[in-house]
């Protein structure tokens, strides 16, 4: 069986009518959609999923006990904004809206 390549699309929903009491900025909800995508030649690094706040994410994960060198060198088959593989069969599409974590943009 061939390895599956996963595409990921991120949507940021902003509620401009409410201010977050901690960040003092508008509230945001990030939704990631994962789906089967067409194969790509190169592997991505796991930390690319936190662009452009990679260093903030690595620092947060490190504070939870994750080794920084390990997380920076970890490969993933998840690729941002890849094309959907319309020939994939029996593959789920997954929606994730985390309640807490590193926001993916400044």
PDB file of N, CA and C in Angstrom:
ATOM      1  N   UNK A   1       0.845  -1.184   0.000  1.00  0.00           N
ATOM      2  CA  UNK A   1       0.000   0.000   0.000  1.00  0.00           C
ATOM      3  C   UNK A   1       0.887   1.243   0.000  1.00  0.00           C
ATOM      4  N   UNK A   2       0.565   2.214  -0.803  1.00  0.00           N
ATOM      5  CA  UNK A   2       1.329   3.451  -0.880  1.00  0.00           C
ATOM      6  C   UNK A   2       1.059   4.335   0.328  1.00  0.00           C
ATOM      7  N   UNK A   3       2.076   5.100   0.698  1.00  0.00           N
ATOM      8  CA  UNK A   3       1.902   6.041   1.807  1.00  0.00           C
ATOM      9  C   UNK A   3       0.921   7.136   1.390  1.00  0.00           C
ATOM     10  N   UNK A   4       0.103   7.529   2.327  1.00  0.00           N
ATOM     11  CA  UNK A   4      -0.887   8.571   2.064  1.00  0.00           C
ATOM     12  C   UNK A   4      -0.273   9.927   2.356  1.00  0.00           C
ATOM     13  N   UNK A   5      -0.496  10.849   1.473  1.00  0.00           N
ATOM     14  CA  UNK A   5      -0.094  12.227   1.707  1.00  0.00           C
ATOM     15  C   UNK A   5      -1.333  12.990   2.140  1.00  0.00           C
ATOM     16  N   UNK A   6      -1.182  13.796   3.159  1.00  0.00           N
ATOM     17  CA  UNK A   6      -2.312  14.511   3.726  1.00  0.00           C
ATOM     18  C   UNK A   6      -2.170  16.001   3.435  1.00  0.00           C
ATOM     19  N   UNK A   7      -3.235  16.598   2.925  1.00  0.00           N
ATOM     20  CA  UNK A   7      -3.278  18.032   2.726  1.00  0.00           C
ATOM     21  C   UNK A   7      -3.929  18.686   3.939  1.00  0.00           C
ATOM     22  N   UNK A   8      -3.603  19.942   4.140  1.00  0.00           N
ATOM     23  CA  UNK A   8      -4.176  20.677   5.283  1.00  0.00           C
ATOM     24  C   UNK A   8      -4.487  22.101   4.843  1.00  0.00           C
ATOM     25  N   UNK A   9      -5.678  22.525   5.154  1.00  0.00           N
ATOM     26  CA  UNK A   9      -6.101  23.903   4.902  1.00  0.00           C
ATOM     27  C   UNK A   9      -6.522  24.501   6.227  1.00  0.00           C
ATOM     28  N   UNK A  10      -6.047  25.706   6.520  1.00  0.00           N
ATOM     29  CA  UNK A  10      -6.353  26.367   7.789  1.00  0.00           C
ATOM     30  C   UNK A  10      -7.232  27.582   7.512  1.00  0.00           C
ATOM     31  N   UNK A  11      -8.283  27.705   8.313  1.00  0.00           N
ATOM     32  CA  UNK A  11      -9.162  28.859   8.249  1.00  0.00           C
ATOM     33  C   UNK A  11      -9.126  29.554   9.603  1.00  0.00           C
ATOM     34  N   UNK A  12      -9.052  30.874   9.582  1.00  0.00           N
ATOM     35  CA  UNK A  12      -9.063  31.658  10.811  1.00  0.00           C
ATOM     36  C   UNK A  12     -10.357  32.455  10.833  1.00  0.00           C
ATOM     37  N   UNK A  13     -11.185  32.197  11.825  1.00  0.00           N
ATOM     38  CA  UNK A  13     -12.440  32.925  11.984  1.00  0.00           C
ATOM     39  C   UNK A  13     -12.245  33.952  13.095  1.00  0.00           C
ATOM     40  N   UNK A  14     -12.553  35.205  12.820  1.00  0.00           N
ATOM     41  CA  UNK A  14     -12.361  36.276  13.801  1.00  0.00           C
ATOM     42  C   UNK A  14     -13.694  36.830  14.255  1.00  0.00           C
ATOM     43  N   UNK A  15     -13.821  36.982  15.544  1.00  0.00           N
ATOM     44  CA  UNK A  15     -14.997  37.617  16.125  1.00  0.00           C
ATOM     45  C   UNK A  15     -14.589  39.029  16.526  1.00  0.00           C
ATOM     46  N   UNK A  16     -14.799  39.979  15.642  1.00  0.00           N
ATOM     47  CA  UNK A  16     -14.366  41.358  15.879  1.00  0.00           C
ATOM     48  C   UNK A  16     -15.197  42.066  16.944  1.00  0.00           C
ATOM     49  N   UNK A  17     -16.298  41.446  17.342  1.00  0.00           N
ATOM     50  CA  UNK A  17     -17.157  42.081  18.343  1.00  0.00           C
ATOM     51  C   UNK A  17     -16.718  41.759  19.776  1.00  0.00           C
ATOM     52  N   UNK A  18     -15.759  40.825  19.934  1.00  0.00           N
ATOM     53  CA  UNK A  18     -15.317  40.429  21.277  1.00  0.00           C
ATOM     54  C   UNK A  18     -13.798  40.500  21.382  1.00  0.00           C
ATOM     55  N   UNK A  19     -13.322  40.995  22.502  1.00  0.00           N
ATOM     56  CA  UNK A  19     -11.890  41.091  22.759  1.00  0.00           C
ATOM     57  C   UNK A  19     -11.494  39.982  23.737  1.00  0.00           C
ATOM     58  N   UNK A  20     -10.411  39.302  23.416  1.00  0.00           N
ATOM     59  CA  UNK A  20      -9.896  38.262  24.295  1.00  0.00           C
ATOM     60  C   UNK A  20      -9.298  38.929  25.533  1.00  0.00           C
ATOM     61  N   UNK A  21      -9.696  38.513  26.728  1.00  0.00           N
ATOM     62  CA  UNK A  21      -9.217  39.178  27.942  1.00  0.00           C
ATOM     63  C   UNK A  21      -7.726  38.972  28.204  1.00  0.00           C
ATOM     64  N   UNK A  22      -7.127  37.937  27.638  1.00  0.00           N
ATOM     65  CA  UNK A  22      -5.693  37.687  27.860  1.00  0.00           C
ATOM     66  C   UNK A  22      -4.844  38.412  26.835  1.00  0.00           C
ATOM     67  N   UNK A  23      -5.125  38.221  25.550  1.00  0.00           N
ATOM     68  CA  UNK A  23      -4.292  38.829  24.504  1.00  0.00           C
ATOM     69  C   UNK A  23      -4.676  40.272  24.202  1.00  0.00           C
ATOM     70  N   UNK A  24      -5.870  40.676  24.619  1.00  0.00           N
ATOM     71  CA  UNK A  24      -6.392  42.027  24.345  1.00  0.00           C
ATOM     72  C   UNK A  24      -6.605  42.270  22.849  1.00  0.00           C
ATOM     73  N   UNK A  25      -6.744  41.191  22.078  1.00  0.00           N
ATOM     74  CA  UNK A  25      -7.012  41.290  20.648  1.00  0.00           C
ATOM     75  C   UNK A  25      -8.346  40.607  20.351  1.00  0.00           C
ATOM     76  N   UNK A  26      -8.811  40.736  19.103  1.00  0.00           N
ATOM     77  CA  UNK A  26     -10.077  40.095  18.749  1.00  0.00           C
ATOM     78  C   UNK A  26      -9.944  38.584  18.902  1.00  0.00           C
ATOM     79  N   UNK A  27     -11.044  37.962  19.282  1.00  0.00           N
ATOM     80  CA  UNK A  27     -11.020  36.510  19.467  1.00  0.00           C
ATOM     81  C   UNK A  27     -10.942  35.823  18.117  1.00  0.00           C
ATOM     82  N   UNK A  28     -10.200  34.708  18.101  1.00  0.00           N
ATOM     83  CA  UNK A  28     -10.024  33.945  16.875  1.00  0.00           C
ATOM     84  C   UNK A  28     -10.236  32.469  17.139  1.00  0.00           C
ATOM     85  N   UNK A  29     -10.774  31.796  16.141  1.00  0.00           N
ATOM     86  CA  UNK A  29     -10.895  30.351  16.162  1.00  0.00           C
ATOM     87  C   UNK A  29     -10.194  29.851  14.906  1.00  0.00           C
ATOM     88  N   UNK A  30      -9.260  28.933  15.094  1.00  0.00           N
ATOM     89  CA  UNK A  30      -8.572  28.319  13.970  1.00  0.00           C
ATOM     90  C   UNK A  30      -9.183  26.967  13.697  1.00  0.00           C
ATOM     91  N   UNK A  31      -9.468  26.704  12.441  1.00  0.00           N
ATOM     92  CA  UNK A  31     -10.015  25.414  12.044  1.00  0.00           C
ATOM     93  C   UNK A  31      -9.081  24.829  10.992  1.00  0.00           C
ATOM     94  N   UNK A  32      -8.601  23.627  11.262  1.00  0.00           N
ATOM     95  CA  UNK A  32      -7.760  22.916  10.295  1.00  0.00           C
ATOM     96  C   UNK A  32      -8.588  21.810   9.670  1.00  0.00           C
ATOM     97  N   UNK A  33      -8.500  21.698   8.365  1.00  0.00           N
ATOM     98  CA  UNK A  33      -9.173  20.627   7.638  1.00  0.00           C
ATOM     99  C   UNK A  33      -8.083  19.763   7.004  1.00  0.00           C
ATOM    100  N   UNK A  34      -8.085  18.468   7.351  1.00  0.00           N
ATOM    101  CA  UNK A  34      -7.120  17.514   6.816  1.00  0.00           C
ATOM    102  C   UNK A  34      -7.827  16.615   5.821  1.00  0.00           C
ATOM    103  N   UNK A  35      -7.170  16.328   4.693  1.00  0.00           N
ATOM    104  CA  UNK A  35      -7.799  15.573   3.619  1.00  0.00           C
ATOM    105  C   UNK A  35      -6.738  14.820   2.822  1.00  0.00           C
ATOM    106  N   UNK A  36      -7.126  13.763   2.093  1.00  0.00           N
ATOM    107  CA  UNK A  36      -6.148  13.060   1.254  1.00  0.00           C
ATOM    108  C   UNK A  36      -5.717  13.976   0.112  1.00  0.00           C
ATOM    109  N   UNK A  37      -4.410  14.041  -0.104  1.00  0.00           N
ATOM    110  CA  UNK A  37      -3.909  14.918  -1.162  1.00  0.00           C
ATOM    111  C   UNK A  37      -3.031  14.138  -2.127  1.00  0.00           C
ATOM    112  N   UNK A  38      -2.715  14.757  -3.227  1.00  0.00           N
ATOM    113  CA  UNK A  38      -1.850  14.132  -4.211  1.00  0.00           C
ATOM    114  C   UNK A  38      -0.445  13.975  -3.633  1.00  0.00           C
ATOM    115  N   UNK A  39       0.265  12.912  -4.018  1.00  0.00           N
ATOM    116  CA  UNK A  39       1.620  12.702  -3.498  1.00  0.00           C
ATOM    117  C   UNK A  39       2.549  13.858  -3.853  1.00  0.00           C
ATOM    118  N   UNK A  40       3.464  14.153  -2.939  1.00  0.00           N
ATOM    119  CA  UNK A  40       4.488  15.166  -3.180  1.00  0.00           C
ATOM    120  C   UNK A  40       5.846  14.518  -2.963  1.00  0.00           C
ATOM    121  N   UNK A  41       6.882  15.098  -3.567  1.00  0.00           N
ATOM    122  CA  UNK A  41       8.197  14.469  -3.536  1.00  0.00           C
ATOM    123  C   UNK A  41       8.935  14.645  -2.219  1.00  0.00           C
ATOM    124  N   UNK A  42       8.796  15.782  -1.590  1.00  0.00           N
ATOM    125  CA  UNK A  42       9.593  16.022  -0.384  1.00  0.00           C
ATOM    126  C   UNK A  42       8.745  15.980   0.873  1.00  0.00           C
ATOM    127  N   UNK A  43       9.361  15.528   1.949  1.00  0.00           N
ATOM    128  CA  UNK A  43       8.697  15.514   3.247  1.00  0.00           C
ATOM    129  C   UNK A  43       8.768  16.908   3.853  1.00  0.00           C
ATOM    130  N   UNK A  44       7.780  17.241   4.629  1.00  0.00           N
ATOM    131  CA  UNK A  44       7.763  18.504   5.350  1.00  0.00           C
ATOM    132  C   UNK A  44       8.182  18.236   6.792  1.00  0.00           C
ATOM    133  N   UNK A  45       8.664  19.260   7.450  1.00  0.00           N
ATOM    134  CA  UNK A  45       8.972  19.159   8.872  1.00  0.00           C
ATOM    135  C   UNK A  45       7.698  19.441   9.657  1.00  0.00           C
ATOM    136  N   UNK A  46       7.526  18.740  10.756  1.00  0.00           N
ATOM    137  CA  UNK A  46       6.350  18.903  11.598  1.00  0.00           C
ATOM    138  C   UNK A  46       6.160  20.360  12.018  1.00  0.00           C
ATOM    139  N   UNK A  47       7.248  21.034  12.309  1.00  0.00           N
ATOM    140  CA  UNK A  47       7.149  22.424  12.765  1.00  0.00           C
ATOM    141  C   UNK A  47       6.580  23.351  11.703  1.00  0.00           C
ATOM    142  N   UNK A  48       6.592  22.942  10.430  1.00  0.00           N
ATOM    143  CA  UNK A  48       6.012  23.790   9.382  1.00  0.00           C
ATOM    144  C   UNK A  48       4.518  23.989   9.593  1.00  0.00           C
ATOM    145  N   UNK A  49       3.892  23.105  10.378  1.00  0.00           N
ATOM    146  CA  UNK A  49       2.467  23.238  10.657  1.00  0.00           C
ATOM    147  C   UNK A  49       2.172  24.421  11.571  1.00  0.00           C
ATOM    148  N   UNK A  50       3.221  25.010  12.166  1.00  0.00           N
ATOM    149  CA  UNK A  50       3.047  26.149  13.068  1.00  0.00           C
ATOM    150  C   UNK A  50       3.491  27.469  12.432  1.00  0.00           C
ATOM    151  N   UNK A  51       3.790  27.476  11.117  1.00  0.00           N
ATOM    152  CA  UNK A  51       4.222  28.717  10.460  1.00  0.00           C
ATOM    153  C   UNK A  51       3.169  29.792  10.618  1.00  0.00           C
ATOM    154  N   UNK A  52       3.539  31.034  10.787  1.00  0.00           N
ATOM    155  CA  UNK A  52       4.889  31.580  10.910  1.00  0.00           C
ATOM    156  C   UNK A  52       5.397  31.660  12.351  1.00  0.00           C
ATOM    157  N   UNK A  53       4.750  31.009  13.297  1.00  0.00           N
ATOM    158  CA  UNK A  53       5.171  31.073  14.704  1.00  0.00           C
ATOM    159  C   UNK A  53       5.897  29.809  15.141  1.00  0.00           C
ATOM    160  N   UNK A  54       6.792  29.323  14.306  1.00  0.00           N
ATOM    161  CA  UNK A  54       7.492  28.080  14.611  1.00  0.00           C
ATOM    162  C   UNK A  54       8.263  28.177  15.919  1.00  0.00           C
ATOM    163  N   UNK A  55       9.013  29.255  16.116  1.00  0.00           N
ATOM    164  CA  UNK A  55       9.829  29.355  17.335  1.00  0.00           C
ATOM    165  C   UNK A  55       8.955  29.403  18.588  1.00  0.00           C
ATOM    166  N   UNK A  56       7.817  30.088  18.535  1.00  0.00           N
ATOM    167  CA  UNK A  56       6.903  30.134  19.671  1.00  0.00           C
ATOM    168  C   UNK A  56       6.349  28.741  19.969  1.00  0.00           C
ATOM    169  N   UNK A  57       5.982  28.008  18.923  1.00  0.00           N
ATOM    170  CA  UNK A  57       5.449  26.659  19.102  1.00  0.00           C
ATOM    171  C   UNK A  57       6.506  25.726  19.681  1.00  0.00           C
ATOM    172  N   UNK A  58       7.729  25.800  19.156  1.00  0.00           N
ATOM    173  CA  UNK A  58       8.804  24.950  19.662  1.00  0.00           C
ATOM    174  C   UNK A  58       9.084  25.266  21.122  1.00  0.00           C
ATOM    175  N   UNK A  59       9.097  26.550  21.472  1.00  0.00           N
ATOM    176  CA  UNK A  59       9.323  26.937  22.872  1.00  0.00           C
ATOM    177  C   UNK A  59       8.209  26.413  23.775  1.00  0.00           C
ATOM    178  N   UNK A  60       6.951  26.512  23.310  1.00  0.00           N
ATOM    179  CA  UNK A  60       5.827  26.036  24.116  1.00  0.00           C
ATOM    180  C   UNK A  60       5.903  24.519  24.297  1.00  0.00           C
ATOM    181  N   UNK A  61       6.182  23.791  23.218  1.00  0.00           N
ATOM    182  CA  UNK A  61       6.293  22.338  23.310  1.00  0.00           C
ATOM    183  C   UNK A  61       7.479  21.938  24.179  1.00  0.00           C
ATOM    184  N   UNK A  62       8.578  22.692  24.074  1.00  0.00           N
ATOM    185  CA  UNK A  62       9.751  22.425  24.907  1.00  0.00           C
ATOM    186  C   UNK A  62       9.434  22.610  26.383  1.00  0.00           C
ATOM    187  N   UNK A  63       8.636  23.631  26.697  1.00  0.00           N
ATOM    188  CA  UNK A  63       8.267  23.866  28.095  1.00  0.00           C
ATOM    189  C   UNK A  63       7.397  22.730  28.641  1.00  0.00           C
ATOM    190  N   UNK A  64       6.802  21.942  27.723  1.00  0.00           N
ATOM    191  CA  UNK A  64       5.999  20.785  28.126  1.00  0.00           C
ATOM    192  C   UNK A  64       6.828  19.504  28.158  1.00  0.00           C
ATOM    193  N   UNK A  65       8.124  19.631  27.854  1.00  0.00           N
ATOM    194  CA  UNK A  65       9.013  18.475  27.948  1.00  0.00           C
ATOM    195  C   UNK A  65       9.476  17.879  26.633  1.00  0.00           C
ATOM    196  N   UNK A  66       9.075  18.443  25.503  1.00  0.00           N
ATOM    197  CA  UNK A  66       9.489  17.912  24.205  1.00  0.00           C
ATOM    198  C   UNK A  66      10.892  18.412  23.884  1.00  0.00           C
ATOM    199  N   UNK A  67      11.750  17.524  23.391  1.00  0.00           N
ATOM    200  CA  UNK A  67      13.114  17.880  23.008  1.00  0.00           C
ATOM    201  C   UNK A  67      13.080  18.762  21.755  1.00  0.00           C
ATOM    202  N   UNK A  68      13.711  19.945  21.827  1.00  0.00           N
ATOM    203  CA  UNK A  68      13.665  20.905  20.711  1.00  0.00           C
ATOM    204  C   UNK A  68      14.269  20.336  19.430  1.00  0.00           C
ATOM    205  N   UNK A  69      15.422  19.658  19.545  1.00  0.00           N
ATOM    206  CA  UNK A  69      16.054  19.095  18.347  1.00  0.00           C
ATOM    207  C   UNK A  69      15.177  18.021  17.713  1.00  0.00           C
ATOM    208  N   UNK A  70      14.543  17.213  18.546  1.00  0.00           N
ATOM    209  CA  UNK A  70      13.663  16.165  18.035  1.00  0.00           C
ATOM    210  C   UNK A  70      12.502  16.769  17.258  1.00  0.00           C
ATOM    211  N   UNK A  71      11.837  17.754  17.831  1.00  0.00           N
ATOM    212  CA  UNK A  71      10.658  18.337  17.189  1.00  0.00           C
ATOM    213  C   UNK A  71      11.029  19.081  15.901  1.00  0.00           C
ATOM    214  N   UNK A  72      12.211  19.690  15.870  1.00  0.00           N
ATOM    215  CA  UNK A  72      12.647  20.413  14.664  1.00  0.00           C
ATOM    216  C   UNK A  72      12.996  19.478  13.517  1.00  0.00           C
ATOM    217  N   UNK A  73      13.376  18.238  13.833  1.00  0.00           N
ATOM    218  CA  UNK A  73      13.792  17.288  12.804  1.00  0.00           C
ATOM    219  C   UNK A  73      12.737  16.246  12.460  1.00  0.00           C
ATOM    220  N   UNK A  74      11.589  16.327  13.083  1.00  0.00           N
ATOM    221  CA  UNK A  74      10.522  15.366  12.856  1.00  0.00           C
ATOM    222  C   UNK A  74       9.841  15.631  11.514  1.00  0.00           C
ATOM    223  N   UNK A  75       9.771  14.595  10.673  1.00  0.00           N
ATOM    224  CA  UNK A  75       9.106  14.720   9.374  1.00  0.00           C
ATOM    225  C   UNK A  75       7.609  14.474   9.516  1.00  0.00           C
ATOM    226  N   UNK A  76       6.852  15.015   8.577  1.00  0.00           N
ATOM    227  CA  UNK A  76       5.419  14.759   8.536  1.00  0.00           C
ATOM    228  C   UNK A  76       4.990  14.600   7.084  1.00  0.00           C
ATOM    229  N   UNK A  77       3.919  13.891   6.882  1.00  0.00           N
ATOM    230  CA  UNK A  77       3.340  13.745   5.540  1.00  0.00           C
ATOM    231  C   UNK A  77       2.180  14.707   5.346  1.00  0.00           C
ATOM    232  N   UNK A  78       2.083  15.693   6.225  1.00  0.00           N
ATOM    233  CA  UNK A  78       1.040  16.713   6.119  1.00  0.00           C
ATOM    234  C   UNK A  78       1.623  17.921   5.392  1.00  0.00           C
ATOM    235  N   UNK A  79       0.934  18.347   4.360  1.00  0.00           N
ATOM    236  CA  UNK A  79       1.402  19.461   3.536  1.00  0.00           C
ATOM    237  C   UNK A  79       0.306  20.519   3.452  1.00  0.00           C
ATOM    238  N   UNK A  80       0.660  21.740   3.781  1.00  0.00           N
ATOM    239  CA  UNK A  80      -0.303  22.835   3.737  1.00  0.00           C
ATOM    240  C   UNK A  80      -0.706  23.154   2.301  1.00  0.00           C
ATOM    241  N   UNK A  81      -1.999  23.318   2.108  1.00  0.00           N
ATOM    242  CA  UNK A  81      -2.575  23.808   0.844  1.00  0.00           C
ATOM    243  C   UNK A  81      -2.278  22.931  -0.372  1.00  0.00           C
ATOM    244  N   UNK A  82      -2.122  21.630  -0.168  1.00  0.00           N
ATOM    245  CA  UNK A  82      -1.927  20.724  -1.312  1.00  0.00           C
ATOM    246  C   UNK A  82      -3.264  20.484  -2.004  1.00  0.00           C
ATOM    247  N   UNK A  83      -3.182  19.994  -3.223  1.00  0.00           N
ATOM    248  CA  UNK A  83      -4.400  19.696  -3.981  1.00  0.00           C
ATOM    249  C   UNK A  83      -5.055  18.416  -3.475  1.00  0.00           C
ATOM    250  N   UNK A  84      -6.350  18.406  -3.459  1.00  0.00           N
ATOM    251  CA  UNK A  84      -7.146  17.262  -3.031  1.00  0.00           C
ATOM    252  C   UNK A  84      -6.963  16.105  -4.006  1.00  0.00           C
ATOM    253  N   UNK A  85      -6.760  14.907  -3.471  1.00  0.00           N
ATOM    254  CA  UNK A  85      -6.692  13.707  -4.289  1.00  0.00           C
ATOM    255  C   UNK A  85      -8.117  13.187  -4.469  1.00  0.00           C
ATOM    256  N   UNK A  86      -8.717  13.478  -5.616  1.00  0.00           N
ATOM    257  CA  UNK A  86     -10.113  13.106  -5.842  1.00  0.00           C
ATOM    258  C   UNK A  86     -10.279  11.620  -6.133  1.00  0.00           C
ATOM    259  N   UNK A  87      -9.162  10.904  -6.313  1.00  0.00           N
ATOM    260  CA  UNK A  87      -9.247   9.461  -6.557  1.00  0.00           C
ATOM    261  C   UNK A  87      -9.177   8.651  -5.263  1.00  0.00           C
ATOM    262  N   UNK A  88      -8.891   9.285  -4.138  1.00  0.00           N
ATOM    263  CA  UNK A  88      -8.777   8.575  -2.856  1.00  0.00           C
ATOM    264  C   UNK A  88     -10.120   7.988  -2.459  1.00  0.00           C
ATOM    265  N   UNK A  89     -10.074   6.780  -1.946  1.00  0.00           N
ATOM    266  CA  UNK A  89     -11.304   6.103  -1.536  1.00  0.00           C
ATOM    267  C   UNK A  89     -11.213   5.740  -0.056  1.00  0.00           C
ATOM    268  N   UNK A  90     -12.341   5.825   0.628  1.00  0.00           N
ATOM    269  CA  UNK A  90     -12.423   5.454   2.038  1.00  0.00           C
ATOM    270  C   UNK A  90     -11.437   6.207   2.920  1.00  0.00           C
ATOM    271  N   UNK A  91     -11.234   7.460   2.623  1.00  0.00           N
ATOM    272  CA  UNK A  91     -10.354   8.300   3.435  1.00  0.00           C
ATOM    273  C   UNK A  91     -11.194   9.387   4.102  1.00  0.00           C
ATOM    274  N   UNK A  92     -11.012   9.571   5.373  1.00  0.00           N
ATOM    275  CA  UNK A  92     -11.802  10.594   6.062  1.00  0.00           C
ATOM    276  C   UNK A  92     -11.275  11.995   5.799  1.00  0.00           C
ATOM    277  N   UNK A  93     -12.151  12.950   5.956  1.00  0.00           N
ATOM    278  CA  UNK A  93     -11.761  14.358   6.014  1.00  0.00           C
ATOM    279  C   UNK A  93     -11.982  14.761   7.457  1.00  0.00           C
ATOM    280  N   UNK A  94     -10.962  15.335   8.071  1.00  0.00           N
ATOM    281  CA  UNK A  94     -11.006  15.623   9.499  1.00  0.00           C
ATOM    282  C   UNK A  94     -10.979  17.131   9.724  1.00  0.00           C
ATOM    283  N   UNK A  95     -11.899  17.621  10.550  1.00  0.00           N
ATOM    284  CA  UNK A  95     -11.943  19.025  10.935  1.00  0.00           C
ATOM    285  C   UNK A  95     -11.475  19.112  12.382  1.00  0.00           C
ATOM    286  N   UNK A  96     -10.524  20.014  12.658  1.00  0.00           N
ATOM    287  CA  UNK A  96     -10.049  20.207  14.023  1.00  0.00           C
ATOM    288  C   UNK A  96     -10.116  21.692  14.350  1.00  0.00           C
ATOM    289  N   UNK A  97     -10.734  22.005  15.465  1.00  0.00           N
ATOM    290  CA  UNK A  97     -10.796  23.377  15.974  1.00  0.00           C
ATOM    291  C   UNK A  97     -10.298  23.343  17.416  1.00  0.00           C
ATOM    292  N   UNK A  98      -8.978  23.482  17.616  1.00  0.00           N
ATOM    293  CA  UNK A  98      -8.431  23.352  18.968  1.00  0.00           C
ATOM    294  C   UNK A  98      -8.923  24.461  19.888  1.00  0.00           C
ATOM    295  N   UNK A  99      -9.074  24.105  21.144  1.00  0.00           N
ATOM    296  CA  UNK A  99      -9.559  25.082  22.131  1.00  0.00           C
ATOM    297  C   UNK A  99      -8.429  25.926  22.685  1.00  0.00           C
ATOM    298  N   UNK A 100      -7.200  25.435  22.650  1.00  0.00           N
ATOM    299  CA  UNK A 100      -6.084  26.165  23.224  1.00  0.00           C
ATOM    300  C   UNK A 100      -4.817  25.743  22.522  1.00  0.00           C
ATOM    301  N   UNK A 101      -3.893  26.667  22.320  1.00  0.00           N
ATOM    302  CA  UNK A 101      -2.616  26.311  21.727  1.00  0.00           C
ATOM    303  C   UNK A 101      -1.949  27.494  21.089  1.00  0.00           C
ATOM    304  N   UNK A 102      -0.999  27.213  20.240  1.00  0.00           N
ATOM    305  CA  UNK A 102      -0.233  28.248  19.568  1.00  0.00           C
ATOM    306  C   UNK A 102      -1.007  28.704  18.342  1.00  0.00           C
ATOM    307  N   UNK A 103      -1.291  29.973  18.265  1.00  0.00           N
ATOM    308  CA  UNK A 103      -1.961  30.531  17.092  1.00  0.00           C
ATOM    309  C   UNK A 103      -0.962  30.519  15.955  1.00  0.00           C
ATOM    310  N   UNK A 104      -1.410  30.164  14.776  1.00  0.00           N
ATOM    311  CA  UNK A 104      -0.485  29.940  13.668  1.00  0.00           C
ATOM    312  C   UNK A 104      -0.023  31.220  12.967  1.00  0.00           C
ATOM    313  N   UNK A 105      -0.420  32.351  13.415  1.00  0.00           N
ATOM    314  CA  UNK A 105       0.026  33.581  12.762  1.00  0.00           C
ATOM    315  C   UNK A 105       0.158  34.687  13.835  1.00  0.00           C
ATOM    316  N   UNK A 106       0.934  35.752  13.509  1.00  0.00           N
ATOM    317  CA  UNK A 106       1.135  36.813  14.508  1.00  0.00           C
ATOM    318  C   UNK A 106      -0.110  37.632  14.750  1.00  0.00           C
TER     319      UNK A 106
END
